[in-house]
Amino acid sequence: MVHVVDVHVGKRIRQRRWLTGMTQQKLAEMVGIKFQQIQKYETGANRVSASRLWDIADALEVPVSFFFEGLKEDGTEVAPEEGLPADLMGDKEAMELVRSYYAIPENQRRRLFELARVLSDVA
């Protein structure tokens, strides 16, 4: 039986990997496992051991706690903000947009953010 926490941790692994532009193969090599195992972690089909999660966090340059962000104490996910899709970070297009956004130089990124804010107020 798949546990909701394992699914959440797997989603967070996939999200961070996508944001960094890393392939499953590259992450697997960095951690010393086969890419199929990364696939199983990302779907929640296999649980990630504490030591393996530590290695994945190191490879993805985040603290281990990153993988548990968005979980309530009872293991359920925090509800998304109103108007946002339930699995925004699971949407590949949204992840590409975020990655592209952070690739823009900071001063231009701020201006783009302000433009987006103004346009969303008009809509």
N, C-alpha and C. Protein backbone atom coordinates (compact mmCIF):
# COMPACT_ATOMS: atom_id res chain seq x y z
N MET A 1 0.85 -1.19 0.00
CA MET A 1 0.00 0.00 0.00
C MET A 1 0.89 1.24 0.00
N VAL A 2 0.60 2.17 -0.87
CA VAL A 2 1.37 3.40 -0.98
C VAL A 2 0.94 4.36 0.14
N HIS A 3 1.91 4.92 0.83
CA HIS A 3 1.64 5.86 1.93
C HIS A 3 1.69 7.29 1.40
N VAL A 4 0.77 8.15 1.89
CA VAL A 4 0.69 9.52 1.39
C VAL A 4 1.98 10.30 1.61
N VAL A 5 2.70 10.01 2.68
CA VAL A 5 3.96 10.71 2.93
C VAL A 5 5.01 10.31 1.90
N ASP A 6 5.05 9.03 1.53
CA ASP A 6 5.99 8.57 0.51
C ASP A 6 5.70 9.23 -0.84
N VAL A 7 4.42 9.38 -1.16
CA VAL A 7 4.02 10.05 -2.40
C VAL A 7 4.45 11.51 -2.36
N HIS A 8 4.22 12.17 -1.23
CA HIS A 8 4.59 13.59 -1.09
C HIS A 8 6.10 13.77 -1.22
N VAL A 9 6.87 12.95 -0.53
CA VAL A 9 8.33 13.04 -0.62
C VAL A 9 8.78 12.81 -2.06
N GLY A 10 8.18 11.85 -2.73
CA GLY A 10 8.52 11.58 -4.13
C GLY A 10 8.22 12.77 -5.03
N LYS A 11 7.08 13.42 -4.80
CA LYS A 11 6.73 14.62 -5.58
C LYS A 11 7.76 15.72 -5.37
N ARG A 12 8.18 15.88 -4.12
CA ARG A 12 9.15 16.93 -3.80
C ARG A 12 10.52 16.62 -4.43
N ILE A 13 10.88 15.34 -4.49
CA ILE A 13 12.13 14.95 -5.18
C ILE A 13 12.02 15.34 -6.65
N ARG A 14 10.91 14.96 -7.28
CA ARG A 14 10.71 15.27 -8.70
C ARG A 14 10.70 16.78 -8.94
N GLN A 15 10.00 17.52 -8.09
CA GLN A 15 9.93 18.98 -8.24
C GLN A 15 11.31 19.61 -8.21
N ARG A 16 12.09 19.24 -7.22
CA ARG A 16 13.43 19.83 -7.09
C ARG A 16 14.32 19.42 -8.25
N ARG A 17 14.20 18.17 -8.66
CA ARG A 17 15.01 17.69 -9.79
C ARG A 17 14.66 18.46 -11.05
N TRP A 18 13.36 18.67 -11.30
CA TRP A 18 12.92 19.44 -12.46
C TRP A 18 13.42 20.88 -12.38
N LEU A 19 13.30 21.48 -11.21
CA LEU A 19 13.73 22.88 -11.05
C LEU A 19 15.21 23.05 -11.35
N THR A 20 16.00 22.07 -11.00
CA THR A 20 17.44 22.17 -11.25
C THR A 20 17.80 21.71 -12.66
N GLY A 21 16.83 21.15 -13.39
CA GLY A 21 17.09 20.68 -14.75
C GLY A 21 17.85 19.37 -14.78
N MET A 22 17.80 18.63 -13.69
CA MET A 22 18.55 17.38 -13.59
C MET A 22 17.69 16.21 -14.08
N THR A 23 18.30 15.28 -14.77
CA THR A 23 17.59 14.08 -15.22
C THR A 23 17.57 13.04 -14.10
N GLN A 24 16.66 12.09 -14.24
CA GLN A 24 16.63 10.98 -13.28
C GLN A 24 17.96 10.23 -13.32
N GLN A 25 18.50 10.07 -14.51
CA GLN A 25 19.78 9.36 -14.67
C GLN A 25 20.90 10.07 -13.92
N LYS A 26 20.98 11.38 -14.05
CA LYS A 26 22.04 12.15 -13.37
C LYS A 26 21.89 12.06 -11.86
N LEU A 27 20.67 12.21 -11.36
CA LEU A 27 20.45 12.11 -9.92
C LEU A 27 20.83 10.72 -9.43
N ALA A 28 20.42 9.71 -10.16
CA ALA A 28 20.75 8.33 -9.78
C ALA A 28 22.27 8.12 -9.72
N GLU A 29 22.98 8.64 -10.70
CA GLU A 29 24.44 8.52 -10.70
C GLU A 29 25.05 9.21 -9.49
N MET A 30 24.54 10.39 -9.16
CA MET A 30 25.08 11.15 -8.02
C MET A 30 24.83 10.43 -6.69
N VAL A 31 23.73 9.68 -6.64
CA VAL A 31 23.36 8.99 -5.41
C VAL A 31 23.90 7.55 -5.38
N GLY A 32 24.27 7.04 -6.55
CA GLY A 32 24.83 5.69 -6.62
C GLY A 32 23.80 4.58 -6.75
N ILE A 33 22.71 4.89 -7.46
CA ILE A 33 21.67 3.89 -7.70
C ILE A 33 21.25 3.93 -9.16
N LYS A 34 20.34 3.05 -9.55
CA LYS A 34 19.82 3.03 -10.92
C LYS A 34 18.68 4.05 -11.06
N PHE A 35 18.50 4.58 -12.27
CA PHE A 35 17.48 5.61 -12.47
C PHE A 35 16.08 5.06 -12.22
N GLN A 36 15.89 3.74 -12.41
CA GLN A 36 14.58 3.15 -12.16
C GLN A 36 14.18 3.32 -10.69
N GLN A 37 15.17 3.31 -9.81
CA GLN A 37 14.88 3.49 -8.39
C GLN A 37 14.40 4.92 -8.13
N ILE A 38 15.00 5.88 -8.82
CA ILE A 38 14.54 7.27 -8.70
C ILE A 38 13.09 7.36 -9.16
N GLN A 39 12.76 6.68 -10.26
CA GLN A 39 11.38 6.67 -10.75
C GLN A 39 10.43 6.15 -9.67
N LYS A 40 10.82 5.08 -9.01
CA LYS A 40 9.98 4.49 -7.98
C LYS A 40 9.84 5.42 -6.78
N TYR A 41 10.91 6.11 -6.42
CA TYR A 41 10.84 7.08 -5.34
C TYR A 41 9.88 8.21 -5.70
N GLU A 42 10.00 8.71 -6.92
CA GLU A 42 9.21 9.86 -7.35
C GLU A 42 7.71 9.56 -7.42
N THR A 43 7.35 8.33 -7.65
CA THR A 43 5.93 7.97 -7.69
C THR A 43 5.41 7.54 -6.32
N GLY A 44 6.32 7.34 -5.38
CA GLY A 44 5.93 6.87 -4.06
C GLY A 44 5.79 5.37 -4.00
N ALA A 45 6.12 4.68 -5.09
CA ALA A 45 6.02 3.22 -5.12
C ALA A 45 7.00 2.59 -4.14
N ASN A 46 8.17 3.19 -3.98
CA ASN A 46 9.17 2.73 -3.01
C ASN A 46 9.44 3.83 -2.00
N ARG A 47 9.63 3.43 -0.76
CA ARG A 47 9.98 4.39 0.28
C ARG A 47 11.46 4.72 0.19
N VAL A 48 11.78 5.95 0.52
CA VAL A 48 13.16 6.41 0.54
C VAL A 48 13.68 6.27 1.96
N SER A 49 14.78 5.55 2.14
CA SER A 49 15.36 5.42 3.48
C SER A 49 15.94 6.76 3.91
N ALA A 50 16.16 6.91 5.20
CA ALA A 50 16.70 8.16 5.74
C ALA A 50 18.06 8.48 5.13
N SER A 51 18.93 7.50 5.04
CA SER A 51 20.27 7.76 4.49
C SER A 51 20.21 8.09 3.00
N ARG A 52 19.31 7.45 2.27
CA ARG A 52 19.17 7.73 0.84
C ARG A 52 18.58 9.12 0.64
N LEU A 53 17.62 9.50 1.49
CA LEU A 53 17.03 10.83 1.40
C LEU A 53 18.09 11.89 1.69
N TRP A 54 18.97 11.59 2.63
CA TRP A 54 20.08 12.49 2.95
C TRP A 54 20.96 12.69 1.71
N ASP A 55 21.28 11.59 1.01
CA ASP A 55 22.12 11.67 -0.20
C ASP A 55 21.41 12.43 -1.31
N ILE A 56 20.11 12.21 -1.46
CA ILE A 56 19.33 12.91 -2.49
C ILE A 56 19.28 14.40 -2.18
N ALA A 57 19.07 14.74 -0.91
CA ALA A 57 19.04 16.15 -0.51
C ALA A 57 20.38 16.81 -0.82
N ASP A 58 21.47 16.11 -0.56
CA ASP A 58 22.80 16.64 -0.85
C ASP A 58 22.97 16.85 -2.36
N ALA A 59 22.56 15.88 -3.15
CA ALA A 59 22.69 15.98 -4.61
C ALA A 59 21.84 17.11 -5.18
N LEU A 60 20.68 17.35 -4.58
CA LEU A 60 19.77 18.39 -5.06
C LEU A 60 19.96 19.72 -4.35
N GLU A 61 20.93 19.75 -3.44
CA GLU A 61 21.32 20.97 -2.72
C GLU A 61 20.15 21.61 -1.95
N VAL A 62 19.45 20.78 -1.19
CA VAL A 62 18.39 21.26 -0.30
C VAL A 62 18.52 20.54 1.03
N PRO A 63 17.97 21.12 2.11
CA PRO A 63 17.95 20.39 3.38
C PRO A 63 16.95 19.24 3.30
N VAL A 64 17.13 18.24 4.11
CA VAL A 64 16.22 17.09 4.12
C VAL A 64 14.79 17.56 4.41
N SER A 65 14.64 18.57 5.22
CA SER A 65 13.31 19.07 5.57
C SER A 65 12.52 19.56 4.34
N PHE A 66 13.22 19.92 3.27
CA PHE A 66 12.57 20.37 2.04
C PHE A 66 11.53 19.36 1.56
N PHE A 67 11.84 18.07 1.70
CA PHE A 67 10.98 17.02 1.17
C PHE A 67 9.69 16.86 1.97
N PHE A 68 9.64 17.44 3.16
CA PHE A 68 8.46 17.33 4.01
C PHE A 68 7.65 18.61 4.07
N GLU A 69 8.14 19.66 3.42
CA GLU A 69 7.39 20.91 3.39
C GLU A 69 6.06 20.69 2.68
N GLY A 70 5.01 21.28 3.24
CA GLY A 70 3.69 21.14 2.66
C GLY A 70 2.89 20.00 3.25
N LEU A 71 3.46 19.33 4.27
CA LEU A 71 2.74 18.25 4.95
C LEU A 71 2.27 18.73 6.31
N LYS A 72 1.06 18.35 6.67
CA LYS A 72 0.56 18.62 8.02
C LYS A 72 1.07 17.50 8.93
N GLU A 73 0.91 17.68 10.23
CA GLU A 73 1.36 16.67 11.20
C GLU A 73 0.68 15.33 11.02
N ASP A 74 -0.55 15.33 10.49
CA ASP A 74 -1.26 14.06 10.30
C ASP A 74 -0.90 13.38 8.98
N GLY A 75 0.05 13.96 8.23
CA GLY A 75 0.50 13.35 6.99
C GLY A 75 -0.26 13.78 5.76
N THR A 76 -1.28 14.63 5.93
CA THR A 76 -2.01 15.13 4.77
C THR A 76 -1.33 16.39 4.24
N GLU A 77 -1.58 16.68 2.98
CA GLU A 77 -0.95 17.85 2.36
C GLU A 77 -1.71 19.11 2.70
N VAL A 78 -0.98 20.20 2.82
CA VAL A 78 -1.58 21.51 3.05
C VAL A 78 -2.37 21.89 1.80
N ALA A 79 -3.57 22.40 1.98
CA ALA A 79 -4.41 22.79 0.85
C ALA A 79 -3.76 23.96 0.10
N PRO A 80 -3.82 23.95 -1.23
CA PRO A 80 -3.25 25.05 -2.00
C PRO A 80 -4.04 26.34 -1.78
N GLU A 81 -3.38 27.46 -2.10
CA GLU A 81 -4.08 28.74 -2.01
C GLU A 81 -5.24 28.76 -2.98
N GLU A 82 -6.25 29.55 -2.65
CA GLU A 82 -7.43 29.66 -3.50
C GLU A 82 -7.02 30.16 -4.89
N GLY A 83 -7.58 29.53 -5.90
CA GLY A 83 -7.30 29.93 -7.27
C GLY A 83 -6.12 29.19 -7.89
N LEU A 84 -5.40 28.39 -7.10
CA LEU A 84 -4.27 27.64 -7.63
C LEU A 84 -4.66 26.18 -7.82
N PRO A 85 -4.11 25.52 -8.85
CA PRO A 85 -4.39 24.09 -9.03
C PRO A 85 -3.88 23.30 -7.82
N ALA A 86 -4.51 22.17 -7.54
CA ALA A 86 -4.15 21.36 -6.37
C ALA A 86 -2.70 20.89 -6.44
N ASP A 87 -2.20 20.58 -7.61
CA ASP A 87 -0.83 20.08 -7.73
C ASP A 87 -0.04 20.98 -8.67
N LEU A 88 0.05 22.24 -8.32
CA LEU A 88 0.75 23.22 -9.15
C LEU A 88 2.18 22.79 -9.45
N MET A 89 2.89 22.35 -8.41
CA MET A 89 4.29 21.98 -8.60
C MET A 89 4.45 20.63 -9.28
N GLY A 90 3.37 19.91 -9.47
CA GLY A 90 3.42 18.67 -10.21
C GLY A 90 3.19 18.89 -11.70
N ASP A 91 2.84 20.11 -12.07
CA ASP A 91 2.59 20.47 -13.46
C ASP A 91 3.92 20.81 -14.13
N LYS A 92 4.29 20.02 -15.12
CA LYS A 92 5.59 20.20 -15.76
C LYS A 92 5.73 21.58 -16.39
N GLU A 93 4.66 22.09 -16.97
CA GLU A 93 4.70 23.43 -17.59
C GLU A 93 4.97 24.49 -16.53
N ALA A 94 4.32 24.38 -15.39
CA ALA A 94 4.54 25.34 -14.31
C ALA A 94 5.99 25.26 -13.82
N MET A 95 6.52 24.07 -13.73
CA MET A 95 7.90 23.90 -13.28
C MET A 95 8.88 24.51 -14.29
N GLU A 96 8.60 24.33 -15.57
CA GLU A 96 9.44 24.94 -16.61
C GLU A 96 9.40 26.46 -16.52
N LEU A 97 8.21 27.00 -16.25
CA LEU A 97 8.06 28.44 -16.11
C LEU A 97 8.88 28.95 -14.92
N VAL A 98 8.82 28.25 -13.81
CA VAL A 98 9.59 28.66 -12.63
C VAL A 98 11.08 28.59 -12.91
N ARG A 99 11.52 27.51 -13.54
CA ARG A 99 12.95 27.36 -13.86
C ARG A 99 13.40 28.48 -14.80
N SER A 100 12.60 28.77 -15.80
CA SER A 100 12.93 29.85 -16.74
C SER A 100 12.97 31.20 -16.03
N TYR A 101 12.01 31.42 -15.14
CA TYR A 101 11.93 32.67 -14.39
C TYR A 101 13.22 32.91 -13.61
N TYR A 102 13.69 31.88 -12.92
CA TYR A 102 14.90 32.04 -12.10
C TYR A 102 16.18 32.08 -12.93
N ALA A 103 16.09 31.77 -14.20
CA ALA A 103 17.25 31.89 -15.09
C ALA A 103 17.43 33.33 -15.57
N ILE A 104 16.42 34.16 -15.39
CA ILE A 104 16.48 35.57 -15.79
C ILE A 104 17.29 36.34 -14.75
N PRO A 105 18.15 37.26 -15.18
CA PRO A 105 18.90 38.08 -14.22
C PRO A 105 17.96 38.77 -13.24
N GLU A 106 18.41 38.92 -12.00
CA GLU A 106 17.54 39.38 -10.91
C GLU A 106 16.84 40.71 -11.18
N ASN A 107 17.54 41.70 -11.72
CA ASN A 107 16.90 43.00 -11.94
C ASN A 107 15.78 42.90 -12.99
N GLN A 108 16.00 42.10 -14.03
CA GLN A 108 14.96 41.90 -15.04
C GLN A 108 13.82 41.04 -14.48
N ARG A 109 14.18 40.10 -13.63
CA ARG A 109 13.18 39.23 -13.02
C ARG A 109 12.21 40.05 -12.16
N ARG A 110 12.73 41.02 -11.41
CA ARG A 110 11.86 41.87 -10.60
C ARG A 110 10.87 42.64 -11.46
N ARG A 111 11.36 43.16 -12.59
CA ARG A 111 10.48 43.91 -13.49
C ARG A 111 9.41 43.00 -14.09
N LEU A 112 9.81 41.80 -14.46
CA LEU A 112 8.86 40.82 -15.00
C LEU A 112 7.80 40.47 -13.96
N PHE A 113 8.23 40.31 -12.72
CA PHE A 113 7.30 40.01 -11.63
C PHE A 113 6.28 41.13 -11.47
N GLU A 114 6.75 42.36 -11.47
CA GLU A 114 5.84 43.50 -11.34
C GLU A 114 4.86 43.57 -12.50
N LEU A 115 5.35 43.29 -13.72
CA LEU A 115 4.47 43.26 -14.89
C LEU A 115 3.39 42.19 -14.71
N ALA A 116 3.80 41.01 -14.28
CA ALA A 116 2.83 39.92 -14.09
C ALA A 116 1.81 40.28 -13.02
N ARG A 117 2.26 40.94 -11.97
CA ARG A 117 1.35 41.35 -10.91
C ARG A 117 0.31 42.35 -11.45
N VAL A 118 0.76 43.33 -12.24
CA VAL A 118 -0.15 44.32 -12.82
C VAL A 118 -1.13 43.64 -13.78
N LEU A 119 -0.64 42.75 -14.62
CA LEU A 119 -1.52 42.06 -15.56
C LEU A 119 -2.56 41.20 -14.84
N SER A 120 -2.16 40.56 -13.74
CA SER A 120 -3.12 39.70 -13.02
C SER A 120 -4.17 40.55 -12.32
N ASP A 121 -3.83 41.77 -11.92
CA ASP A 121 -4.81 42.67 -11.30
C ASP A 121 -5.84 43.14 -12.32
N VAL A 122 -5.43 43.27 -13.58
CA VAL A 122 -6.30 43.73 -14.64
C VAL A 122 -7.28 42.61 -15.04
N ALA A 123 -6.82 41.38 -14.99
CA ALA A 123 -7.64 40.24 -15.46
C ALA A 123 -8.85 39.98 -14.61
